[in-house]
Structure formats: structure tokens, C-alpha cells
N, C-alpha and C. Protein backbone atom coordinates (compact mmCIF):
# COMPACT_ATOMS: atom_id res chain seq x y z
N MET A 1 -22.66 4.61 15.99
CA MET A 1 -22.90 4.67 14.90
C MET A 1 -22.77 6.08 14.37
N GLN A 2 -21.71 6.28 13.48
CA GLN A 2 -21.53 7.59 12.96
C GLN A 2 -22.60 8.20 11.85
N ARG A 3 -22.79 7.52 10.88
CA ARG A 3 -23.74 7.77 9.81
C ARG A 3 -24.36 6.60 9.23
N VAL A 4 -25.42 6.77 8.22
CA VAL A 4 -25.92 5.74 7.31
C VAL A 4 -26.10 6.45 5.95
N GLU A 5 -25.91 5.73 4.92
CA GLU A 5 -25.86 6.00 3.65
C GLU A 5 -26.79 5.11 2.88
N THR A 6 -27.65 5.38 2.01
CA THR A 6 -28.45 4.71 0.96
C THR A 6 -28.14 4.95 -0.33
N PRO A 7 -27.00 4.99 -0.95
CA PRO A 7 -26.84 5.22 -2.24
C PRO A 7 -27.55 4.68 -3.34
N GLU A 8 -28.18 3.51 -3.25
CA GLU A 8 -29.16 3.19 -4.13
C GLU A 8 -30.00 2.37 -3.30
N SER A 9 -31.15 2.02 -4.00
CA SER A 9 -32.26 1.08 -3.28
C SER A 9 -31.85 -0.25 -3.09
N GLY A 10 -31.68 -0.85 -1.72
CA GLY A 10 -31.42 -2.05 -1.29
C GLY A 10 -30.01 -2.05 -1.00
N VAL A 11 -29.34 -0.87 -1.08
CA VAL A 11 -28.03 -0.76 -0.44
C VAL A 11 -28.02 0.12 0.76
N THR A 12 -27.19 -0.58 1.78
CA THR A 12 -27.21 0.13 2.98
C THR A 12 -25.77 0.26 3.42
N ILE A 13 -25.28 1.42 3.52
CA ILE A 13 -23.69 1.58 3.90
C ILE A 13 -23.64 2.15 5.65
N VAL A 14 -23.36 1.46 6.55
CA VAL A 14 -23.49 2.06 7.95
C VAL A 14 -21.88 2.13 8.14
N ARG A 15 -21.74 3.48 8.61
CA ARG A 15 -20.41 4.03 9.26
C ARG A 15 -20.07 3.98 10.74
N ASP A 16 -19.43 2.93 10.97
CA ASP A 16 -19.43 2.99 12.77
C ASP A 16 -18.69 4.21 13.19
N THR A 17 -18.46 4.17 14.61
CA THR A 17 -17.78 5.76 15.18
C THR A 17 -16.34 5.97 14.81
N THR A 18 -15.58 4.83 14.21
CA THR A 18 -14.24 4.90 13.66
C THR A 18 -14.46 5.11 12.29
N GLY A 19 -15.56 5.28 11.48
CA GLY A 19 -15.73 5.57 10.00
C GLY A 19 -15.57 4.58 9.08
N ILE A 20 -15.56 3.20 9.78
CA ILE A 20 -15.27 2.04 8.99
C ILE A 20 -16.66 1.81 8.32
N PRO A 21 -16.80 1.43 6.98
CA PRO A 21 -17.98 1.17 6.56
C PRO A 21 -18.68 0.04 6.66
N HIS A 22 -19.80 -0.66 7.13
CA HIS A 22 -20.52 -1.85 7.09
C HIS A 22 -21.32 -1.89 5.86
N ILE A 23 -21.30 -2.73 4.84
CA ILE A 23 -22.13 -2.70 3.61
C ILE A 23 -23.10 -3.74 3.79
N TYR A 24 -24.35 -3.43 3.22
CA TYR A 24 -25.46 -4.06 3.41
C TYR A 24 -26.03 -4.17 2.13
N GLY A 25 -26.51 -5.48 1.24
CA GLY A 25 -27.31 -5.41 0.41
C GLY A 25 -28.59 -6.52 0.21
N THR A 26 -29.63 -6.29 -0.22
CA THR A 26 -30.50 -7.38 -0.24
C THR A 26 -30.17 -8.48 -1.35
N THR A 27 -29.37 -8.18 -2.24
CA THR A 27 -28.64 -9.31 -3.12
C THR A 27 -27.10 -8.70 -3.48
N ARG A 28 -26.51 -10.03 -3.66
CA ARG A 28 -25.04 -9.97 -4.10
C ARG A 28 -24.79 -8.77 -4.82
N ALA A 29 -25.28 -8.54 -5.93
CA ALA A 29 -25.16 -7.28 -6.70
C ALA A 29 -25.10 -6.01 -5.93
N GLU A 30 -26.01 -5.67 -4.97
CA GLU A 30 -26.23 -4.69 -4.30
C GLU A 30 -25.07 -4.64 -3.41
N GLY A 31 -24.91 -5.66 -2.72
CA GLY A 31 -23.40 -5.74 -1.71
C GLY A 31 -22.30 -5.10 -2.84
N GLU A 32 -22.03 -5.86 -3.84
CA GLU A 32 -20.81 -5.27 -4.72
C GLU A 32 -20.91 -3.86 -4.91
N PHE A 33 -22.43 -3.37 -5.47
CA PHE A 33 -22.43 -1.91 -5.49
C PHE A 33 -21.96 -0.92 -4.30
N GLY A 34 -22.41 -1.45 -2.98
CA GLY A 34 -22.03 -0.88 -1.88
C GLY A 34 -20.41 -0.69 -1.54
N ALA A 35 -19.78 -2.02 -2.08
CA ALA A 35 -18.38 -1.90 -1.71
C ALA A 35 -17.63 -0.86 -2.53
N GLY A 36 -18.09 -0.70 -3.84
CA GLY A 36 -17.65 0.07 -4.79
C GLY A 36 -17.72 1.53 -4.63
N TYR A 37 -19.07 1.99 -4.00
CA TYR A 37 -19.40 3.18 -3.52
C TYR A 37 -18.78 3.69 -2.19
N ALA A 38 -18.40 2.72 -1.41
CA ALA A 38 -17.60 3.03 -0.28
C ALA A 38 -16.34 3.17 -0.20
N GLY A 39 -15.66 2.09 -1.38
CA GLY A 39 -14.39 2.28 -1.46
C GLY A 39 -13.97 3.25 -2.29
N ALA A 40 -14.98 3.99 -3.10
CA ALA A 40 -14.45 5.20 -3.98
C ALA A 40 -14.66 6.74 -2.92
N GLU A 41 -15.48 6.47 -2.06
CA GLU A 41 -15.52 7.21 -1.20
C GLU A 41 -14.49 7.46 -0.27
N ASP A 42 -13.93 6.39 0.33
CA ASP A 42 -12.66 6.39 1.24
C ASP A 42 -11.53 6.62 0.39
N ARG A 43 -11.25 6.24 -0.86
CA ARG A 43 -9.65 6.03 -1.31
C ARG A 43 -9.81 6.02 -2.81
N LEU A 44 -10.75 7.20 -3.56
CA LEU A 44 -10.49 7.13 -4.78
C LEU A 44 -9.31 7.42 -5.31
N TRP A 45 -8.56 8.66 -4.86
CA TRP A 45 -7.31 9.04 -5.37
C TRP A 45 -6.44 7.81 -5.28
N VAL A 46 -6.33 6.85 -4.19
CA VAL A 46 -5.31 5.95 -4.44
C VAL A 46 -5.71 4.74 -5.51
N MET A 47 -7.05 4.61 -5.70
CA MET A 47 -7.72 3.62 -6.58
C MET A 47 -7.22 4.28 -8.16
N ASP A 48 -7.35 5.71 -8.05
CA ASP A 48 -6.91 6.16 -9.46
C ASP A 48 -5.31 5.84 -9.77
N LEU A 49 -4.46 6.40 -8.56
CA LEU A 49 -3.19 6.10 -8.74
C LEU A 49 -2.82 4.52 -9.28
N MET A 50 -3.55 3.79 -8.76
CA MET A 50 -3.00 2.35 -9.05
C MET A 50 -3.30 1.93 -10.76
N ARG A 51 -4.80 2.58 -10.90
CA ARG A 51 -4.98 2.05 -12.22
C ARG A 51 -4.07 2.97 -13.39
N HIS A 52 -3.60 4.06 -12.83
CA HIS A 52 -2.55 4.74 -13.96
C HIS A 52 -1.15 3.75 -13.72
N LEU A 53 -0.85 3.46 -12.52
CA LEU A 53 0.36 2.94 -12.39
C LEU A 53 0.49 1.30 -13.10
N GLY A 54 -0.68 0.77 -13.07
CA GLY A 54 -0.60 -0.40 -13.77
C GLY A 54 -0.82 -0.34 -15.23
N ARG A 55 -0.71 1.13 -15.96
CA ARG A 55 -0.37 0.98 -17.45
C ARG A 55 0.88 1.96 -17.41
N ALA A 56 1.69 1.99 -16.49
CA ALA A 56 2.87 2.78 -16.46
C ALA A 56 2.84 4.19 -16.87
N GLU A 57 1.75 4.84 -16.19
CA GLU A 57 1.10 6.21 -16.55
C GLU A 57 1.12 7.18 -15.44
N LEU A 58 1.75 6.46 -14.36
CA LEU A 58 1.87 7.26 -13.00
C LEU A 58 2.29 8.76 -13.30
N THR A 59 3.64 8.94 -13.70
CA THR A 59 4.23 10.33 -14.02
C THR A 59 3.50 11.34 -14.73
N SER A 60 2.75 10.67 -15.67
CA SER A 60 1.79 11.84 -16.57
C SER A 60 0.66 12.03 -15.70
N PHE A 61 0.22 11.18 -14.82
CA PHE A 61 -1.21 11.36 -13.99
C PHE A 61 -0.73 12.17 -12.78
N ALA A 62 0.26 11.91 -11.97
CA ALA A 62 0.45 12.61 -10.54
C ALA A 62 1.91 13.06 -10.53
N GLY A 63 2.64 13.48 -11.59
CA GLY A 63 3.91 14.05 -11.66
C GLY A 63 5.05 13.31 -11.72
N GLY A 64 6.04 13.69 -12.39
CA GLY A 64 7.37 13.05 -12.62
C GLY A 64 8.33 12.95 -11.41
N ALA A 65 8.07 13.01 -10.25
CA ALA A 65 9.04 12.87 -9.16
C ALA A 65 9.97 11.50 -9.50
N PRO A 66 11.02 11.42 -9.05
CA PRO A 66 11.86 10.30 -9.39
C PRO A 66 11.07 9.00 -8.85
N ALA A 67 10.51 9.15 -7.85
CA ALA A 67 9.93 7.84 -7.14
C ALA A 67 9.00 7.25 -8.05
N ASN A 68 8.18 8.30 -8.49
CA ASN A 68 7.19 7.82 -9.50
C ASN A 68 7.50 7.06 -10.38
N ARG A 69 8.52 7.64 -11.15
CA ARG A 69 9.13 7.34 -12.24
C ARG A 69 9.84 5.79 -12.05
N THR A 70 10.40 5.42 -10.96
CA THR A 70 11.09 4.11 -10.52
C THR A 70 9.94 3.15 -10.09
N LEU A 71 9.08 3.66 -9.63
CA LEU A 71 7.94 2.91 -9.18
C LEU A 71 7.25 2.13 -10.49
N GLU A 72 6.86 3.20 -11.35
CA GLU A 72 6.12 2.58 -12.59
C GLU A 72 7.02 1.75 -13.67
N GLN A 73 8.51 2.18 -13.68
CA GLN A 73 9.39 1.51 -14.41
C GLN A 73 9.42 -0.07 -13.79
N ASN A 74 9.53 0.02 -12.65
CA ASN A 74 9.71 -1.26 -12.01
C ASN A 74 8.43 -2.32 -12.25
N LEU A 75 7.15 -1.66 -12.02
CA LEU A 75 5.93 -2.54 -12.14
C LEU A 75 5.87 -2.94 -13.67
N TRP A 76 6.25 -2.07 -14.83
CA TRP A 76 6.17 -2.18 -15.89
C TRP A 76 6.83 -3.60 -16.22
N GLN A 77 8.19 -3.56 -15.70
CA GLN A 77 8.71 -4.83 -15.88
C GLN A 77 8.18 -6.04 -15.54
N THR A 78 7.34 -6.17 -14.46
CA THR A 78 6.81 -7.48 -13.90
C THR A 78 5.43 -7.63 -14.93
N ALA A 79 4.68 -6.62 -14.99
CA ALA A 79 3.15 -6.70 -15.82
C ALA A 79 3.06 -5.89 -16.88
N PRO A 80 3.89 -5.99 -18.06
CA PRO A 80 3.64 -5.11 -19.16
C PRO A 80 2.61 -5.27 -20.09
N TYR A 81 1.33 -4.95 -19.50
CA TYR A 81 0.16 -5.35 -20.18
C TYR A 81 -0.43 -4.20 -21.13
N THR A 82 -0.65 -4.08 -22.30
CA THR A 82 -0.98 -3.24 -23.13
C THR A 82 -2.69 -3.23 -22.87
N GLU A 83 -3.31 -2.24 -23.42
CA GLU A 83 -4.99 -2.10 -23.29
C GLU A 83 -5.63 -3.39 -24.05
N ALA A 84 -4.78 -4.17 -24.87
CA ALA A 84 -5.43 -5.17 -25.60
C ALA A 84 -5.29 -6.56 -24.71
N ASP A 85 -4.19 -6.56 -24.03
CA ASP A 85 -3.80 -7.51 -22.90
C ASP A 85 -4.84 -7.45 -21.63
N LEU A 86 -5.22 -6.30 -21.43
CA LEU A 86 -6.19 -6.03 -20.10
C LEU A 86 -7.58 -6.46 -20.58
N GLN A 87 -7.67 -5.92 -22.01
CA GLN A 87 -9.13 -6.30 -22.64
C GLN A 87 -9.29 -7.80 -22.38
N ALA A 88 -8.37 -8.48 -22.87
CA ALA A 88 -8.35 -10.34 -23.19
C ALA A 88 -8.58 -10.69 -21.89
N GLN A 89 -7.97 -10.23 -20.80
CA GLN A 89 -8.14 -10.72 -19.64
C GLN A 89 -9.57 -10.59 -19.17
N VAL A 90 -10.30 -9.40 -19.38
CA VAL A 90 -11.68 -9.47 -19.15
C VAL A 90 -12.45 -10.26 -19.93
N ASN A 91 -12.27 -10.32 -21.11
CA ASN A 91 -13.04 -11.49 -22.17
C ASN A 91 -12.80 -12.91 -21.34
N ALA A 92 -11.66 -13.08 -21.40
CA ALA A 92 -11.50 -14.51 -20.53
C ALA A 92 -12.25 -14.88 -19.37
N LEU A 93 -12.14 -13.83 -18.48
CA LEU A 93 -13.19 -13.94 -17.24
C LEU A 93 -14.71 -14.42 -17.80
N ALA A 94 -15.17 -13.70 -18.66
CA ALA A 94 -16.47 -13.62 -19.07
C ALA A 94 -16.76 -14.81 -19.89
N SER A 95 -15.83 -15.48 -20.37
CA SER A 95 -16.03 -16.64 -20.90
C SER A 95 -15.31 -18.18 -20.33
N ASP A 96 -15.13 -17.86 -19.14
CA ASP A 96 -14.62 -18.91 -18.11
C ASP A 96 -15.79 -19.36 -17.24
N GLY A 97 -16.64 -20.05 -17.94
CA GLY A 97 -17.87 -20.81 -17.26
C GLY A 97 -18.74 -19.67 -16.19
N SER A 98 -19.33 -20.68 -15.23
CA SER A 98 -20.03 -19.59 -14.38
C SER A 98 -19.71 -19.22 -13.59
N GLN A 99 -18.29 -19.47 -13.08
CA GLN A 99 -17.40 -19.07 -11.97
C GLN A 99 -16.94 -17.59 -12.59
N GLY A 100 -16.28 -17.99 -13.80
CA GLY A 100 -15.74 -16.59 -14.48
C GLY A 100 -17.03 -15.29 -14.40
N ALA A 101 -18.00 -15.96 -15.08
CA ALA A 101 -19.11 -15.07 -15.35
C ALA A 101 -19.83 -14.22 -14.03
N GLN A 102 -19.57 -14.91 -12.84
CA GLN A 102 -20.05 -14.29 -11.71
C GLN A 102 -18.69 -13.06 -11.22
N VAL A 103 -17.60 -13.64 -11.39
CA VAL A 103 -16.46 -12.54 -11.05
C VAL A 103 -16.61 -11.31 -11.98
N LYS A 104 -16.81 -11.49 -13.34
CA LYS A 104 -17.24 -10.24 -14.41
C LYS A 104 -18.34 -9.63 -13.68
N SER A 105 -19.47 -10.18 -13.28
CA SER A 105 -20.78 -9.79 -13.11
C SER A 105 -20.42 -8.82 -11.53
N ASP A 106 -19.63 -9.44 -10.68
CA ASP A 106 -19.10 -8.67 -9.32
C ASP A 106 -18.50 -7.59 -9.65
N ILE A 107 -17.71 -7.62 -10.71
CA ILE A 107 -16.61 -6.46 -11.05
C ILE A 107 -17.60 -5.33 -11.53
N ASP A 108 -18.53 -5.65 -12.64
CA ASP A 108 -19.62 -4.72 -13.05
C ASP A 108 -20.25 -4.10 -11.98
N ASN A 109 -20.76 -4.52 -11.02
CA ASN A 109 -21.60 -4.05 -10.18
C ASN A 109 -20.81 -3.17 -9.15
N TYR A 110 -19.59 -3.77 -9.00
CA TYR A 110 -18.70 -3.12 -8.12
C TYR A 110 -18.35 -1.46 -8.89
N LEU A 111 -18.16 -1.69 -9.96
CA LEU A 111 -17.53 -0.48 -10.86
C LEU A 111 -18.89 0.29 -10.76
N ASP A 112 -20.40 -0.01 -10.88
CA ASP A 112 -21.43 0.88 -11.03
C ASP A 112 -21.16 1.54 -9.72
N GLY A 113 -21.26 1.13 -8.44
CA GLY A 113 -20.76 1.72 -7.34
C GLY A 113 -19.91 2.92 -7.13
N VAL A 114 -18.70 2.58 -7.63
CA VAL A 114 -17.49 3.53 -7.91
C VAL A 114 -17.84 4.77 -8.91
N ASN A 115 -18.51 4.26 -9.81
CA ASN A 115 -18.82 5.26 -10.98
C ASN A 115 -20.20 6.09 -10.42
N ASP A 116 -20.68 5.68 -9.56
CA ASP A 116 -21.91 6.48 -8.83
C ASP A 116 -21.51 7.52 -7.88
N TYR A 117 -20.63 7.24 -7.19
CA TYR A 117 -19.70 8.34 -6.21
C TYR A 117 -19.31 9.24 -7.04
N ILE A 118 -18.44 8.58 -8.23
CA ILE A 118 -17.87 9.79 -9.14
C ILE A 118 -18.67 10.61 -9.73
N ALA A 119 -19.84 10.10 -9.98
CA ALA A 119 -20.70 11.36 -10.87
C ALA A 119 -21.53 12.26 -9.96
N GLN A 120 -21.60 11.81 -8.77
CA GLN A 120 -22.20 12.64 -7.56
C GLN A 120 -20.95 13.59 -7.07
N VAL A 121 -19.51 13.13 -7.28
CA VAL A 121 -18.82 14.02 -6.70
C VAL A 121 -18.52 15.18 -7.99
N ARG A 122 -18.75 14.84 -9.08
CA ARG A 122 -18.91 15.59 -10.28
C ARG A 122 -19.96 16.51 -10.20
N ALA A 123 -21.14 16.11 -9.95
CA ALA A 123 -22.30 16.97 -9.85
C ALA A 123 -22.35 18.04 -8.71
N ALA A 124 -21.59 17.63 -7.67
CA ALA A 124 -21.46 18.72 -6.57
C ALA A 124 -20.36 19.64 -7.00
N ASP A 125 -19.53 19.45 -7.86
CA ASP A 125 -18.18 20.01 -7.89
C ASP A 125 -17.31 19.76 -6.34
N ASP A 126 -17.21 18.75 -5.98
CA ASP A 126 -16.81 18.56 -4.73
C ASP A 126 -15.66 17.35 -4.65
N PHE A 127 -14.64 17.92 -5.57
CA PHE A 127 -13.68 16.82 -5.79
C PHE A 127 -12.67 16.59 -4.70
N PRO A 128 -12.15 15.44 -4.38
CA PRO A 128 -10.98 15.07 -3.51
C PRO A 128 -9.93 15.98 -3.56
N GLY A 129 -9.22 16.57 -2.76
CA GLY A 129 -8.56 17.61 -2.69
C GLY A 129 -7.12 17.03 -3.33
N GLU A 130 -6.92 15.85 -3.76
CA GLU A 130 -5.64 15.53 -4.60
C GLU A 130 -5.96 15.97 -5.89
N TYR A 131 -7.07 15.88 -6.42
CA TYR A 131 -7.60 16.55 -7.56
C TYR A 131 -7.31 17.88 -7.88
N ASP A 132 -7.74 18.65 -7.02
CA ASP A 132 -7.72 20.01 -7.09
C ASP A 132 -6.15 20.64 -6.97
N LEU A 133 -5.27 19.93 -6.00
CA LEU A 133 -4.08 20.08 -5.75
C LEU A 133 -2.96 19.78 -7.26
N THR A 134 -3.06 18.62 -7.91
CA THR A 134 -2.52 18.15 -8.99
C THR A 134 -3.12 18.39 -10.27
N GLY A 135 -4.36 18.81 -10.39
CA GLY A 135 -5.16 19.07 -11.73
C GLY A 135 -5.41 18.09 -12.55
N ALA A 136 -5.31 16.66 -11.59
CA ALA A 136 -5.47 15.58 -12.45
C ALA A 136 -6.95 15.41 -12.84
N SER A 137 -7.29 14.62 -13.72
CA SER A 137 -8.87 14.71 -14.20
C SER A 137 -9.50 13.30 -13.77
N MET A 138 -10.57 13.35 -13.08
CA MET A 138 -11.13 11.99 -12.55
C MET A 138 -12.04 11.42 -13.70
N GLN A 139 -11.87 10.38 -14.29
CA GLN A 139 -12.76 9.47 -15.14
C GLN A 139 -13.36 8.38 -14.52
N PRO A 140 -14.48 7.87 -15.07
CA PRO A 140 -15.01 6.85 -14.54
C PRO A 140 -14.37 5.64 -14.80
N PHE A 141 -14.45 4.72 -13.94
CA PHE A 141 -13.59 3.31 -13.97
C PHE A 141 -14.14 2.26 -14.73
N THR A 142 -13.23 1.66 -15.29
CA THR A 142 -13.83 0.51 -16.29
C THR A 142 -12.99 -1.18 -15.92
N GLU A 143 -13.72 -1.81 -16.50
CA GLU A 143 -13.24 -3.53 -16.40
C GLU A 143 -11.75 -3.41 -16.44
N THR A 144 -11.33 -2.96 -17.25
CA THR A 144 -9.93 -3.05 -17.64
C THR A 144 -9.10 -2.25 -16.44
N ASP A 145 -9.63 -1.28 -16.11
CA ASP A 145 -8.99 -0.79 -14.89
C ASP A 145 -8.86 -1.53 -13.64
N MET A 146 -9.88 -2.43 -13.48
CA MET A 146 -9.62 -3.36 -12.34
C MET A 146 -8.65 -4.55 -12.55
N ILE A 147 -8.35 -4.79 -14.07
CA ILE A 147 -7.41 -5.58 -14.33
C ILE A 147 -5.77 -5.03 -13.90
N ALA A 148 -5.86 -3.80 -14.37
CA ALA A 148 -4.57 -3.03 -14.09
C ALA A 148 -4.25 -2.85 -12.70
N ILE A 149 -5.36 -2.66 -11.96
CA ILE A 149 -4.97 -2.54 -10.45
C ILE A 149 -4.75 -3.87 -9.71
N ALA A 150 -5.26 -5.04 -10.16
CA ALA A 150 -4.89 -6.04 -9.93
C ALA A 150 -3.30 -6.42 -10.22
N ALA A 151 -3.14 -5.86 -11.34
CA ALA A 151 -1.60 -6.38 -12.00
C ALA A 151 -0.80 -5.61 -11.03
N VAL A 152 -1.05 -4.67 -10.49
CA VAL A 152 -0.10 -3.66 -9.56
C VAL A 152 -0.08 -4.34 -8.17
N VAL A 153 -1.22 -4.64 -7.64
CA VAL A 153 -1.29 -5.51 -6.45
C VAL A 153 -0.28 -6.85 -6.78
N GLY A 154 -0.41 -7.67 -7.76
CA GLY A 154 0.24 -8.77 -7.86
C GLY A 154 1.60 -8.38 -8.07
N GLY A 155 2.02 -7.34 -8.82
CA GLY A 155 3.28 -7.34 -8.91
C GLY A 155 4.17 -6.55 -7.74
N LEU A 156 3.37 -5.97 -6.80
CA LEU A 156 3.98 -5.44 -5.75
C LEU A 156 4.13 -6.51 -4.50
N PHE A 157 3.09 -7.20 -4.48
CA PHE A 157 2.99 -8.51 -3.56
C PHE A 157 3.59 -9.67 -3.87
N GLY A 158 3.52 -9.95 -5.02
CA GLY A 158 3.81 -11.41 -5.60
C GLY A 158 5.20 -11.32 -5.92
N SER A 159 6.02 -10.22 -6.19
CA SER A 159 7.42 -10.57 -6.85
C SER A 159 8.46 -10.56 -5.68
N GLY A 160 8.05 -10.27 -4.41
CA GLY A 160 8.98 -10.22 -3.50
C GLY A 160 8.70 -10.99 -2.25
N GLY A 161 9.34 -11.00 -1.27
CA GLY A 161 8.94 -11.66 0.41
C GLY A 161 9.25 -12.85 0.42
N GLY A 162 8.60 -13.67 0.53
CA GLY A 162 8.86 -14.83 1.19
C GLY A 162 9.33 -16.27 0.53
N GLU A 163 9.62 -16.04 -0.73
CA GLU A 163 10.19 -16.76 -1.31
C GLU A 163 9.67 -18.08 -1.69
N ALA A 164 8.25 -17.77 -1.74
CA ALA A 164 7.11 -18.82 -2.07
C ALA A 164 7.68 -19.67 -3.53
N MET A 165 8.04 -18.75 -4.62
CA MET A 165 8.17 -19.11 -5.79
C MET A 165 9.60 -20.58 -5.83
N GLN A 166 10.77 -20.14 -5.18
CA GLN A 166 11.53 -20.92 -5.04
C GLN A 166 11.28 -22.07 -4.00
N SER A 167 10.45 -22.06 -2.99
CA SER A 167 10.00 -23.08 -2.21
C SER A 167 9.27 -24.07 -3.06
N ALA A 168 8.44 -23.55 -3.90
CA ALA A 168 7.53 -24.52 -4.65
C ALA A 168 8.24 -25.14 -5.67
N LEU A 169 9.37 -24.71 -6.30
CA LEU A 169 10.33 -25.46 -7.37
C LEU A 169 11.27 -26.45 -6.51
N VAL A 170 11.51 -26.38 -5.11
CA VAL A 170 12.32 -27.06 -4.39
C VAL A 170 11.05 -28.45 -4.30
N LYS A 171 10.09 -27.88 -3.86
CA LYS A 171 9.04 -29.32 -3.73
C LYS A 171 8.85 -29.96 -5.02
N GLU A 172 8.73 -29.22 -5.89
CA GLU A 172 8.37 -29.99 -7.41
C GLU A 172 9.38 -30.94 -7.55
N ALA A 173 10.52 -30.45 -7.42
CA ALA A 173 11.60 -31.27 -7.77
C ALA A 173 11.88 -32.46 -6.64
N ALA A 174 11.61 -32.43 -5.52
CA ALA A 174 11.41 -33.49 -4.57
C ALA A 174 10.42 -34.24 -4.97
N GLU A 175 9.41 -33.91 -5.25
CA GLU A 175 8.29 -34.81 -5.52
C GLU A 175 8.46 -35.71 -6.89
N ALA A 176 9.21 -35.20 -7.79
CA ALA A 176 9.61 -35.76 -8.88
C ALA A 176 10.83 -36.73 -8.72
N GLN A 177 11.60 -36.35 -7.72
CA GLN A 177 12.70 -37.41 -7.22
C GLN A 177 12.39 -38.57 -6.34
N TYR A 178 11.40 -38.26 -5.44
CA TYR A 178 10.94 -39.15 -4.29
C TYR A 178 9.65 -39.72 -4.27
N GLY A 179 8.59 -38.66 -5.01
CA GLY A 179 7.14 -39.29 -4.85
C GLY A 179 6.63 -38.20 -3.92
N SER A 180 5.42 -37.84 -4.20
CA SER A 180 4.58 -36.76 -3.32
C SER A 180 4.80 -37.10 -1.78
N PRO A 181 4.20 -38.31 -1.31
CA PRO A 181 4.07 -38.47 0.22
C PRO A 181 5.63 -38.50 0.73
N ARG A 182 6.58 -39.09 0.18
CA ARG A 182 8.00 -39.02 0.90
C ARG A 182 8.52 -37.66 0.98
N ALA A 183 8.21 -36.82 -0.26
CA ALA A 183 8.79 -35.54 -0.44
C ALA A 183 8.10 -34.55 0.65
N THR A 184 6.81 -34.78 0.91
CA THR A 184 5.97 -34.13 1.86
C THR A 184 6.53 -34.35 3.09
N ARG A 185 6.83 -35.62 3.66
CA ARG A 185 7.23 -35.98 4.86
C ARG A 185 8.94 -35.53 5.14
N SER A 186 9.47 -35.45 4.20
CA SER A 186 11.20 -35.35 4.30
C SER A 186 11.55 -33.78 4.87
N GLY A 187 12.00 -33.64 6.01
CA GLY A 187 12.47 -32.43 6.45
C GLY A 187 11.41 -31.45 6.63
N PRO A 188 11.72 -30.23 6.97
CA PRO A 188 10.92 -29.01 6.97
C PRO A 188 10.01 -28.97 5.96
N ARG A 189 8.58 -28.19 6.17
CA ARG A 189 7.71 -27.87 5.24
C ARG A 189 8.38 -26.99 4.34
N CYS A 190 7.96 -26.87 3.08
CA CYS A 190 8.32 -25.79 2.03
C CYS A 190 8.01 -24.65 2.64
N GLY A 191 9.18 -23.69 2.58
CA GLY A 191 8.73 -22.35 2.83
C GLY A 191 9.37 -21.99 4.58
N SER A 192 9.50 -23.10 5.22
CA SER A 192 9.48 -22.61 6.49
C SER A 192 11.17 -22.50 6.94
N ARG A 193 11.15 -21.63 7.84
CA ARG A 193 12.65 -21.41 8.27
C ARG A 193 13.01 -21.76 9.65
N THR A 194 14.07 -21.83 9.92
CA THR A 194 14.29 -22.17 11.46
C THR A 194 15.13 -21.05 12.05
N THR A 195 15.05 -20.37 12.93
CA THR A 195 15.30 -19.19 13.55
C THR A 195 15.61 -19.56 14.99
N ARG A 196 17.15 -19.09 15.42
CA ARG A 196 17.72 -19.51 16.67
C ARG A 196 17.19 -18.07 17.52
N ARG A 197 16.74 -18.49 18.76
CA ARG A 197 16.62 -17.49 19.67
C ARG A 197 17.82 -17.01 20.33
N PRO A 198 18.11 -15.56 20.32
CA PRO A 198 19.41 -15.35 21.18
C PRO A 198 19.30 -15.67 22.66
N ARG A 199 20.44 -16.05 23.01
CA ARG A 199 20.68 -16.33 24.35
C ARG A 199 20.84 -15.10 25.30
């Protein structure tokens, strides 16, 4: 065991010998708080980059390198959300029954942990090195920041790769023509590929 942290009553973060945090809380809310605290402790700069990227503000936050400009322009084409759009998604969660309310509560408790860590860093004037290097400002995280980060993750990983959308459309067309059971039985499963082994 490397070290044990108790950032709040009821929250314990045990870091093993490799530094991986194991988070314990006596309630779900405390577990979310611990996850936010440990997440910020380990990767606050990356989280900050992603919330700015989700608003197409990476260049103004971290510098105008060509790669930064290209990345934020590409992401903006995938998820061009305004602040009003981001807030509308937060509001929609809150009004989406008990499960939506639970997700919003989880987000808020997670953010409490993130922002508690930020407050401690500010009080100790012990900013992560990236902030000192770039002169960027560290601000508390908000609910809309979490939606912006989710948009980045969805944009980066949901818009490329395994041709899942194309496969879903093929399956939908087959079901419309042949019916669901027959379409599912016919041929290889959607999204599967046949690869020949070299001789």
C-alpha cells in the first residue's frame, strides 16, 4: 500500500504500490466524491484540456499549435454545442425520471470531489506544472463541463473505427425486407469481418 487519503468524512482513497486509487465511500455520493477527487488529483490538466476542447477553445487555453487548431476544428464539426446546448442537456437529465436525476446527482457529487481538490491546490499554491508552464487559469468544474467532456469522448471514439453505424443500417434494411429473425440468421453477424490467415 502506498498511501491512504481521506479528503472528506466517509471517503477513503487507498493508493496501491503502483499509485492506482481504490475509492471507498459509505454512500454512493461519497464514492462519487472520491472518484472526482482522485480523478482530478491524477489528471486535472487532461480534464481541463478536454472541457476546453469540447467548446472549441483548446487554442486559447493551451496555445495555437497546428495540431491543437486541427483537433478543435474537427471536434467542433462533430459536436458544435453552444453553452445553451450544454445546459439544455444538463436540464434534460434532471427531468428524465429517477434514473436521469440519479445521473445528475452522481455528476454533482463527482464535481464536488474535483472542485475540492482544486480548492486545496489553490490554497497551497501548488498548481500542476502544466498550469505554471502555460500560464493557464484553473477554474472550478461545472455540470456543463462534464457534458462538453462527454461530447469530446463521443466525438473522438464514436465517429471512427468499427463501422458500427454502417452495420446498423445494413441490419435495419435487412430486417425491413426479410423480418427480424430471418435477417439476424442470414449471413455473418453485423459488423463481423472475415480475415484470411497468411499461409
